[in-house]
Protein backbone atom coordinates (compact mmCIF):
# COMPACT_ATOMS: atom_id res chain seq x y z
CA MET A 1 88.96 137.50 -208.80
CA GLN A 2 86.34 137.45 -206.03
CA THR A 3 83.58 140.10 -206.42
CA PRO A 4 81.37 139.87 -203.28
CA ALA A 5 80.70 143.91 -203.49
CA ARG A 6 78.97 143.62 -206.87
CA PRO A 7 75.24 143.17 -206.56
CA SER A 8 73.64 140.01 -208.63
CA ILE A 9 71.60 141.19 -211.45
CA GLU A 10 68.05 139.29 -211.40
CA ILE A 11 67.12 137.68 -214.52
CA PRO A 12 63.43 137.38 -214.97
CA GLN A 13 62.31 133.55 -215.87
CA ASP A 14 59.72 133.04 -218.24
CA PRO A 15 56.71 131.49 -216.47
CA ALA A 16 55.96 129.22 -219.63
CA THR A 17 59.57 128.18 -219.33
CA ALA A 18 59.43 127.32 -215.61
CA ALA A 19 56.37 125.36 -215.98
CA SER A 20 57.51 123.04 -218.75
CA ARG A 21 60.74 122.70 -216.74
CA GLY A 22 58.66 121.51 -213.79
CA ALA A 23 56.63 119.28 -215.86
CA ALA A 24 59.46 117.79 -217.88
CA GLU A 25 59.76 113.89 -217.12
CA ALA A 26 62.17 112.54 -214.37
CA PRO A 27 65.79 111.83 -215.52
CA ARG A 28 66.55 108.40 -215.53
CA VAL A 29 70.15 108.90 -216.36
CA ARG A 30 72.94 111.47 -215.80
CA LEU A 31 75.31 112.35 -218.41
CA ASP A 32 77.26 114.72 -215.88
CA THR A 33 79.60 112.28 -214.26
CA SER A 34 81.92 114.67 -212.64
CA LEU A 35 80.93 113.24 -209.19
CA GLU A 36 82.15 109.76 -210.46
CA LEU A 37 85.13 110.78 -211.92
CA LEU A 38 86.40 112.93 -209.13
CA LEU A 39 85.99 109.81 -206.76
CA GLU A 40 87.83 107.71 -209.37
CA ARG A 41 90.72 110.12 -210.02
CA SER A 42 91.17 111.67 -206.67
CA PRO A 43 94.64 110.29 -204.84
CA GLN A 44 94.06 107.72 -202.10
CA ALA A 45 96.77 109.66 -199.99
CA ARG A 46 95.55 111.92 -197.29
CA THR A 47 96.31 114.92 -199.21
CA SER A 48 94.63 118.13 -198.01
CA ARG A 49 91.77 119.39 -200.51
CA VAL A 50 89.26 121.78 -200.97
CA LEU A 51 85.96 120.86 -203.00
CA ALA A 52 84.38 123.47 -205.18
CA THR A 53 81.00 123.29 -206.21
CA VAL A 54 78.65 125.50 -208.48
CA VAL A 55 75.52 126.09 -206.47
CA THR A 56 73.94 128.80 -208.93
CA THR A 57 74.37 130.33 -212.26
CA ALA A 58 73.06 133.37 -214.49
CA GLY A 59 73.59 133.54 -218.23
CA SER A 60 75.96 131.46 -220.10
CA THR A 61 78.59 129.68 -218.00
CA TYR A 62 80.62 126.40 -218.88
CA ARG A 63 79.38 124.49 -216.18
CA LYS A 64 75.92 124.53 -214.34
CA PRO A 65 74.86 124.06 -210.73
CA GLY A 66 76.24 120.72 -209.37
CA ALA A 67 79.34 120.70 -211.20
CA ARG A 68 82.58 119.95 -208.98
CA MET A 69 86.21 120.10 -208.90
CA LEU A 70 89.02 119.24 -206.32
CA LEU A 71 91.57 121.65 -205.57
CA LEU A 72 94.68 119.90 -203.88
CA ALA A 73 97.14 121.31 -201.54
CA ASP A 74 100.04 120.55 -203.97
CA GLY A 75 98.56 122.96 -206.48
CA GLN A 76 97.05 120.14 -208.69
CA SER A 77 93.35 119.98 -209.44
CA ILE A 78 90.83 117.39 -210.72
CA GLY A 79 87.94 118.70 -212.93
CA LEU A 80 86.90 121.95 -214.17
CA LEU A 81 84.34 124.61 -213.26
CA SER A 82 85.19 126.90 -216.50
CA GLY A 83 87.31 126.38 -219.51
CA GLY A 84 90.27 127.51 -217.32
CA CYS A 85 89.58 131.25 -216.76
CA LEU A 86 88.47 130.86 -213.16
CA GLU A 87 90.51 128.09 -212.02
CA SER A 88 93.74 130.27 -211.26
CA ASP A 89 91.57 132.49 -208.85
CA LEU A 90 89.81 129.26 -207.48
CA ALA A 91 93.34 128.08 -206.64
CA LEU A 92 94.00 130.97 -204.88
CA GLN A 93 90.71 131.14 -202.86
CA ALA A 94 91.29 127.45 -202.03
CA ARG A 95 94.63 128.18 -200.12
CA ALA A 96 92.69 130.53 -197.95
CA VAL A 97 90.16 127.81 -197.20
CA LEU A 98 92.83 125.17 -196.25
CA GLU A 99 94.97 127.74 -193.90
CA SER A 100 91.40 128.80 -192.09
CA GLY A 101 89.65 125.56 -192.24
CA LEU A 102 86.52 127.42 -192.92
CA PRO A 103 84.11 127.39 -196.10
CA ARG A 104 83.49 130.38 -198.23
CA THR A 105 81.12 131.34 -200.95
CA LEU A 106 82.55 133.24 -204.09
CA GLU A 107 80.68 135.04 -207.02
CA TYR A 108 82.22 135.44 -210.52
CA ASP A 109 80.31 137.89 -212.64
CA MET A 110 81.71 137.77 -216.26
CA ARG A 111 78.55 139.69 -217.89
CA GLY A 112 78.67 142.96 -219.38
CA PRO A 113 82.00 145.24 -220.17
CA ASP A 114 82.81 145.66 -216.50
CA ASP A 115 84.15 142.10 -216.64
CA LEU A 116 87.29 143.47 -218.44
CA LEU A 117 87.99 145.74 -215.59
CA PHE A 118 86.70 144.23 -212.53
CA GLY A 119 86.20 140.50 -213.25
CA VAL A 120 88.38 137.77 -215.00
CA GLY A 121 88.28 139.21 -218.53
CA ALA A 122 86.62 135.77 -219.77
CA GLY A 123 83.77 137.67 -221.77
CA CYS A 124 81.57 134.59 -221.19
CA GLU A 125 78.41 136.70 -220.48
CA GLY A 126 77.58 134.61 -217.37
CA ALA A 127 77.88 134.60 -213.75
CA MET A 128 78.17 131.85 -211.00
CA ARG A 129 78.46 131.14 -207.48
CA VAL A 130 80.80 128.64 -206.08
CA LEU A 131 81.14 127.13 -202.67
CA LEU A 132 84.55 126.16 -201.45
CA GLU A 133 84.74 123.77 -198.31
CA PRO A 134 87.45 121.55 -196.95
CA ALA A 135 87.16 118.27 -198.18
CA ASP A 136 90.21 116.15 -196.35
CA ALA A 137 89.52 112.45 -195.69
CA GLY A 138 86.81 112.02 -192.91
CA SER A 139 85.24 115.59 -193.26
CA ARG A 140 81.54 116.04 -194.16
CA ALA A 141 82.25 116.86 -197.91
CA ALA A 142 84.39 113.62 -198.18
CA LEU A 143 81.86 111.53 -196.57
CA ALA A 144 78.96 112.99 -198.47
CA LEU A 145 80.59 112.52 -201.87
CA ASP A 146 81.41 108.85 -200.87
CA ALA A 147 77.94 108.29 -199.90
CA ALA A 148 76.40 109.55 -203.04
CA GLY A 149 79.01 107.88 -205.28
CA GLU A 150 78.22 104.52 -203.69
CA GLN A 151 74.31 105.05 -204.45
CA THR A 152 75.09 106.10 -208.17
CA ARG A 153 77.52 103.29 -208.85
CA ALA A 154 74.91 100.88 -207.76
CA GLY A 155 72.38 102.12 -210.17
CA ARG A 156 70.32 104.12 -207.29
CA PRO A 157 69.72 107.70 -207.10
CA ALA A 158 71.05 109.90 -204.52
CA VAL A 159 70.76 113.63 -203.39
CA LEU A 160 73.47 115.87 -202.22
CA ILE A 161 72.44 119.25 -200.52
CA VAL A 162 75.09 122.12 -200.58
CA VAL A 163 74.47 124.85 -198.00
CA HIS A 164 76.10 128.10 -199.44
CA GLU A 165 74.20 130.72 -197.14
CA SER A 166 72.89 130.12 -193.63
CA SER A 167 72.49 131.80 -190.36
CA ARG A 168 72.29 128.67 -188.65
CA LEU A 169 73.80 125.58 -190.40
CA PRO A 170 77.58 125.36 -191.11
CA LEU A 171 78.21 125.75 -194.95
CA GLY A 172 79.05 122.58 -196.85
CA THR A 173 77.71 119.36 -198.59
CA TYR A 174 75.36 117.33 -196.55
CA ALA A 175 74.42 113.57 -197.73
CA CYS A 176 71.04 112.16 -196.56
CA ALA A 177 72.52 110.30 -193.56
CA ASP A 178 73.82 113.46 -192.25
CA MET A 179 71.08 116.10 -192.89
CA PRO A 180 69.02 118.36 -190.39
CA GLU A 181 65.28 118.01 -190.62
CA VAL A 182 64.81 120.93 -193.13
CA LEU A 183 67.30 119.49 -195.30
CA ALA A 184 65.87 116.08 -194.98
CA ALA A 185 62.73 117.32 -196.41
CA ALA A 186 64.12 119.00 -199.26
CA ALA A 187 66.01 115.64 -199.99
CA ALA A 188 62.85 113.59 -199.97
CA ARG A 189 61.25 116.08 -202.49
CA ALA A 190 64.07 115.85 -204.67
CA LEU A 191 64.11 111.98 -204.89
CA ALA A 192 60.15 111.97 -205.24
CA GLU A 193 60.32 114.33 -207.84
CA SER A 194 63.64 113.08 -209.56
CA CYS A 195 64.85 116.67 -209.75
CA SER A 196 67.22 119.13 -208.55
CA HIS A 197 65.79 122.41 -206.88
CA GLU A 198 66.79 125.20 -204.52
CA ILE A 199 66.12 125.77 -200.92
CA LEU A 200 65.46 129.53 -200.06
CA ILE A 201 64.41 130.35 -196.57
CA ASP A 202 64.46 134.19 -195.56
CA GLY A 203 62.42 135.35 -192.80
CA GLY A 204 63.07 137.19 -189.59
CA GLN A 205 66.66 136.21 -188.24
CA GLU A 206 66.71 132.99 -190.44
CA ARG A 207 68.21 132.74 -193.62
CA LEU A 208 68.98 129.60 -195.80
CA ARG A 209 69.96 128.92 -199.30
CA ALA A 210 71.12 125.47 -200.55
CA PHE A 211 71.14 123.73 -203.72
CA VAL A 212 69.39 120.64 -203.77
CA ASP A 213 71.39 118.12 -206.27
CA PHE A 214 69.36 115.10 -207.47
CA LEU A 215 71.88 112.55 -209.21
CA ALA A 216 70.34 110.17 -211.33
CA PRO A 217 72.42 107.12 -211.98
CA SER A 218 75.26 107.49 -214.44
CA PRO A 219 74.94 105.62 -217.93
CA HIS A 220 75.02 101.90 -217.82
CA LEU A 221 76.47 100.43 -221.13
CA LEU A 222 76.29 96.73 -221.88
CA ILE A 223 78.83 95.21 -224.35
CA CYS A 224 77.97 91.67 -225.77
CA GLY A 225 81.16 90.44 -227.02
CA ALA A 226 84.56 91.06 -225.69
CA GLY A 227 86.69 90.87 -228.49
CA PRO A 228 89.89 93.39 -228.92
CA ASP A 229 87.75 96.12 -230.40
CA ALA A 230 85.46 95.93 -227.29
CA GLN A 231 88.62 97.36 -225.08
CA PRO A 232 88.51 100.86 -226.66
CA VAL A 233 84.90 100.95 -226.44
CA CYS A 234 84.99 99.90 -222.74
CA SER A 235 87.80 102.50 -222.24
CA ALA A 236 85.97 105.45 -223.85
CA ALA A 237 82.95 104.77 -221.80
CA ARG A 238 84.82 104.37 -218.64
CA GLY A 239 86.60 107.60 -219.46
CA LEU A 240 83.32 109.24 -219.53
CA GLY A 241 82.30 107.93 -216.16
CA TRP A 242 79.96 105.27 -217.57
CA ARG A 243 79.23 102.03 -215.86
CA VAL A 244 80.29 99.03 -218.11
CA SER A 245 79.17 95.53 -218.01
CA ILE A 246 80.84 93.24 -220.72
CA VAL A 247 79.67 89.50 -221.51
CA ASP A 248 81.19 86.74 -223.40
CA HIS A 249 80.78 82.98 -223.65
CA ARG A 250 84.75 82.51 -224.48
CA PRO A 251 86.95 82.27 -221.30
CA ALA A 252 90.02 83.91 -223.14
CA PHE A 253 88.20 86.95 -223.91
CA ALA A 254 86.00 87.42 -220.80
CA ALA A 255 89.18 88.41 -218.51
CA ALA A 256 88.75 91.19 -216.05
CA ASP A 257 92.38 92.46 -216.75
CA ARG A 258 91.41 93.25 -220.30
CA PHE A 259 88.56 95.92 -219.25
CA PRO A 260 89.84 97.79 -216.38
CA GLY A 261 87.13 99.33 -214.37
CA ALA A 262 84.23 97.20 -216.18
CA ARG A 263 82.23 94.44 -214.91
CA VAL A 264 83.12 91.20 -217.00
CA LEU A 265 80.88 88.16 -216.98
CA LEU A 266 81.72 84.99 -218.53
CA ALA A 267 78.46 84.23 -220.09
CA ASP A 268 76.37 83.17 -223.11
CA ALA A 269 73.11 84.79 -224.78
CA GLU A 270 70.85 82.18 -223.20
CA THR A 271 71.96 83.27 -219.82
CA LEU A 272 72.13 86.91 -220.39
CA ARG A 273 68.89 87.96 -218.68
CA SER A 274 69.69 85.98 -215.50
CA THR A 275 73.11 87.22 -215.59
CA VAL A 276 72.62 91.13 -216.38
CA ASP A 277 69.80 93.02 -214.71
CA LEU A 278 68.81 94.53 -218.16
CA SER A 279 66.33 96.89 -216.24
CA GLY A 280 69.16 98.98 -215.23
CA VAL A 281 71.10 99.07 -218.48
CA HIS A 282 70.76 102.33 -220.68
CA ALA A 283 72.22 100.98 -223.92
CA ALA A 284 73.66 97.81 -225.40
CA VAL A 285 76.41 97.22 -228.21
CA VAL A 286 76.18 93.75 -229.83
CA MET A 287 79.72 92.98 -231.21
CA SER A 288 80.83 89.41 -230.72
CA HIS A 289 81.76 89.12 -234.55
CA HIS A 290 79.99 85.83 -234.43
CA LEU A 291 76.75 85.85 -236.39
CA HIS A 292 74.96 83.40 -234.43
CA SER A 293 76.27 84.72 -231.14
CA ASP A 294 75.04 87.97 -232.29
CA LEU A 295 71.62 86.84 -233.15
CA ALA A 296 71.09 84.98 -229.81
CA TYR A 297 72.05 88.28 -227.87
CA LEU A 298 69.77 90.21 -229.95
CA ARG A 299 66.89 87.70 -229.23
CA ALA A 300 67.80 88.01 -225.56
CA LEU A 301 67.59 91.75 -225.71
CA ALA A 302 64.31 91.49 -227.64
CA ALA A 303 62.84 89.64 -224.96
CA SER A 304 63.44 92.34 -222.37
CA SER A 305 61.82 96.19 -222.74
CA THR A 306 65.08 97.34 -221.84
CA PRO A 307 67.47 98.78 -222.88
CA ARG A 308 65.79 100.98 -225.14
CA TYR A 309 69.18 101.46 -227.25
CA VAL A 310 70.64 98.45 -228.91
CA GLY A 311 73.47 98.72 -231.22
CA LEU A 312 74.59 96.22 -233.64
CA LEU A 313 78.10 96.18 -235.14
CA GLY A 314 79.01 95.55 -238.60
CA PRO A 315 77.96 96.47 -242.33
CA ALA A 316 74.65 97.14 -243.81
CA ALA A 317 74.47 93.85 -245.61
CA ARG A 318 75.18 91.76 -242.31
CA ARG A 319 72.45 93.70 -240.61
CA GLN A 320 70.05 92.96 -243.44
CA ARG A 321 70.93 89.17 -242.76
CA ILE A 322 70.49 89.44 -239.14
CA ASP A 323 66.85 91.33 -239.54
CA GLU A 324 65.86 88.27 -241.92
CA GLU A 325 67.03 85.88 -239.34
CA LEU A 326 65.55 87.25 -236.21
CA GLY A 327 62.13 86.17 -236.96
CA GLU A 328 59.59 87.50 -234.46
CA SER A 329 62.22 89.22 -232.27
CA ARG A 330 62.59 91.76 -234.97
CA GLU A 331 59.49 93.15 -233.96
CA HIS A 332 60.48 93.89 -230.32
CA LEU A 333 63.61 95.64 -231.53
CA ARG A 334 61.89 97.78 -234.50
CA ASP A 335 62.24 101.06 -232.33
CA ARG A 336 65.31 99.87 -230.50
CA LEU A 337 67.94 98.43 -233.00
CA HIS A 338 70.59 100.77 -234.42
CA GLY A 339 72.90 99.12 -237.16
CA PRO A 340 75.59 99.75 -238.35
CA VAL A 341 76.21 101.37 -234.99
CA GLY A 342 77.86 104.57 -234.52
CA LEU A 343 77.77 107.94 -236.12
CA ASP A 344 79.25 108.23 -239.52
CA LEU A 345 82.85 110.04 -238.62
CA GLY A 346 84.89 108.18 -241.32
CA ALA A 347 86.40 106.15 -238.59
CA GLN A 348 89.01 103.83 -239.62
CA THR A 349 90.80 102.40 -236.37
CA PRO A 350 89.26 100.61 -233.55
CA GLU A 351 89.99 103.82 -231.42
CA GLY A 352 87.93 105.66 -234.05
CA ILE A 353 84.84 103.23 -234.14
CA ALA A 354 84.63 103.26 -230.42
CA LEU A 355 84.43 107.04 -230.69
CA ALA A 356 81.68 106.93 -233.16
CA ILE A 357 79.90 104.43 -231.13
CA LEU A 358 80.02 106.10 -227.96
CA SER A 359 78.98 109.55 -229.75
CA GLU A 360 76.02 107.93 -231.10
CA ILE A 361 74.86 106.50 -227.72
CA HIS A 362 75.70 110.12 -226.09
CA ALA A 363 73.65 111.80 -228.36
CA TRP A 364 70.83 109.61 -228.12
CA LEU A 365 70.75 109.89 -224.16
CA ALA A 366 70.97 113.64 -224.65
CA GLN A 367 68.26 113.82 -226.87
CA GLY A 368 65.57 112.58 -224.61
CA HIS A 369 65.18 108.94 -225.32
CA ALA A 370 64.55 105.94 -223.00
CA GLY A 371 61.62 107.61 -221.43
CA LEU A 372 63.48 110.85 -220.76
CA ALA A 373 62.06 114.29 -221.56
CA PRO A 374 62.16 115.25 -225.27
CA GLY A 375 64.13 117.91 -226.83
CA ARG A 376 67.40 118.50 -224.95
CA GLY A 377 66.42 115.56 -222.65
CA ILE A 378 69.03 115.13 -219.66
CA SER A 379 71.87 117.47 -220.78
CA THR A 380 74.55 118.45 -218.83
CA THR A 381 73.05 121.75 -217.90
CA ARG A 382 70.11 120.14 -216.29
CA ASP A 383 68.13 123.22 -216.92
CA HIS A 384 64.87 121.27 -217.78
CA CYS A 385 64.39 120.45 -214.46
CA ARG A 386 65.49 123.42 -212.18
CA HIS A 387 63.14 124.85 -209.82
CA PHE A 388 64.71 128.21 -209.36
CA PRO A 389 65.47 131.38 -211.31
CA ASP A 390 68.59 131.72 -213.32
CA SER A 391 70.09 134.30 -211.06
CA LEU A 392 72.42 134.40 -208.41
CA ALA A 393 70.24 136.79 -206.12
């Protein structure tokens, strides 16, 4: 239910918390890959669609600013902004946007007992503001998403600015190439600080509110070894929206059709550093099932300072033998090597083992490793680097 008449409730921000968020180290990887997943999963046909973007939140919400979903004219949708409690109303509101061709801003307030009477009855104790805008092929929104996705898929950061209140500018999502001067300055700041923030201008007859969304590259996983059990690891990572590179020296294994969506390279360990730009890799898993090949891959990874996470498949006894044979390279992997790789989930199948591997890497990235901020690190909430109060006002 749209509730524009209900006033937003201010939630004061602890100054110490604000300072710590502003001082947090810049994120180098982004686990919220909803942008990439939207681009991958949206139909190629020129189906009319509406882009819904969370622009600000207060309290406890399922998604945070920057979360996006597409609502299609045929009633289908891609992505989620809540656990399902808002999507029905969003679909209704999207129809109105499709009919009018005009963007609109909605506020959903699910805090307190009034939610049961005037809200959606979710009981989430949170509120969010959502911008709905036309996103047909060739629209400002579609072009902006495509431009940002091209940047992040190439391992480069991007910025999207979502104007959700303005006395002069059209509401909607802007990419760097399509920004007025005031937005371009905000985008430059976001890139310089590697952090999202909000624009708020309220003086005289000029009013502007916008969410400046800094998008670090999504995780890049390198898999050394393209055996059959590497396929579910690749599939799980691609399902998360991660970028995946796979190397193997065996032509029968290094076949692109075995790993949809991944970059598959026919290469051995000796040429690994010249074949893959390791500076852009966040995590690697060594799983060739060949002892000497695994040793060679580990030595190649040890010769580079990245990736900071290196997983080794195999039992503890095999890990111990490899440690003994690594020689001097062992010291360069001491704080980076995780073996046996994966969380202890009791996995029995290749799919279960893939889940254990990806779970450990996901947790490792989220906990602030690889030079990220300590503690929660780069989480899907991105609360640690927001420069605006947790309020809709």
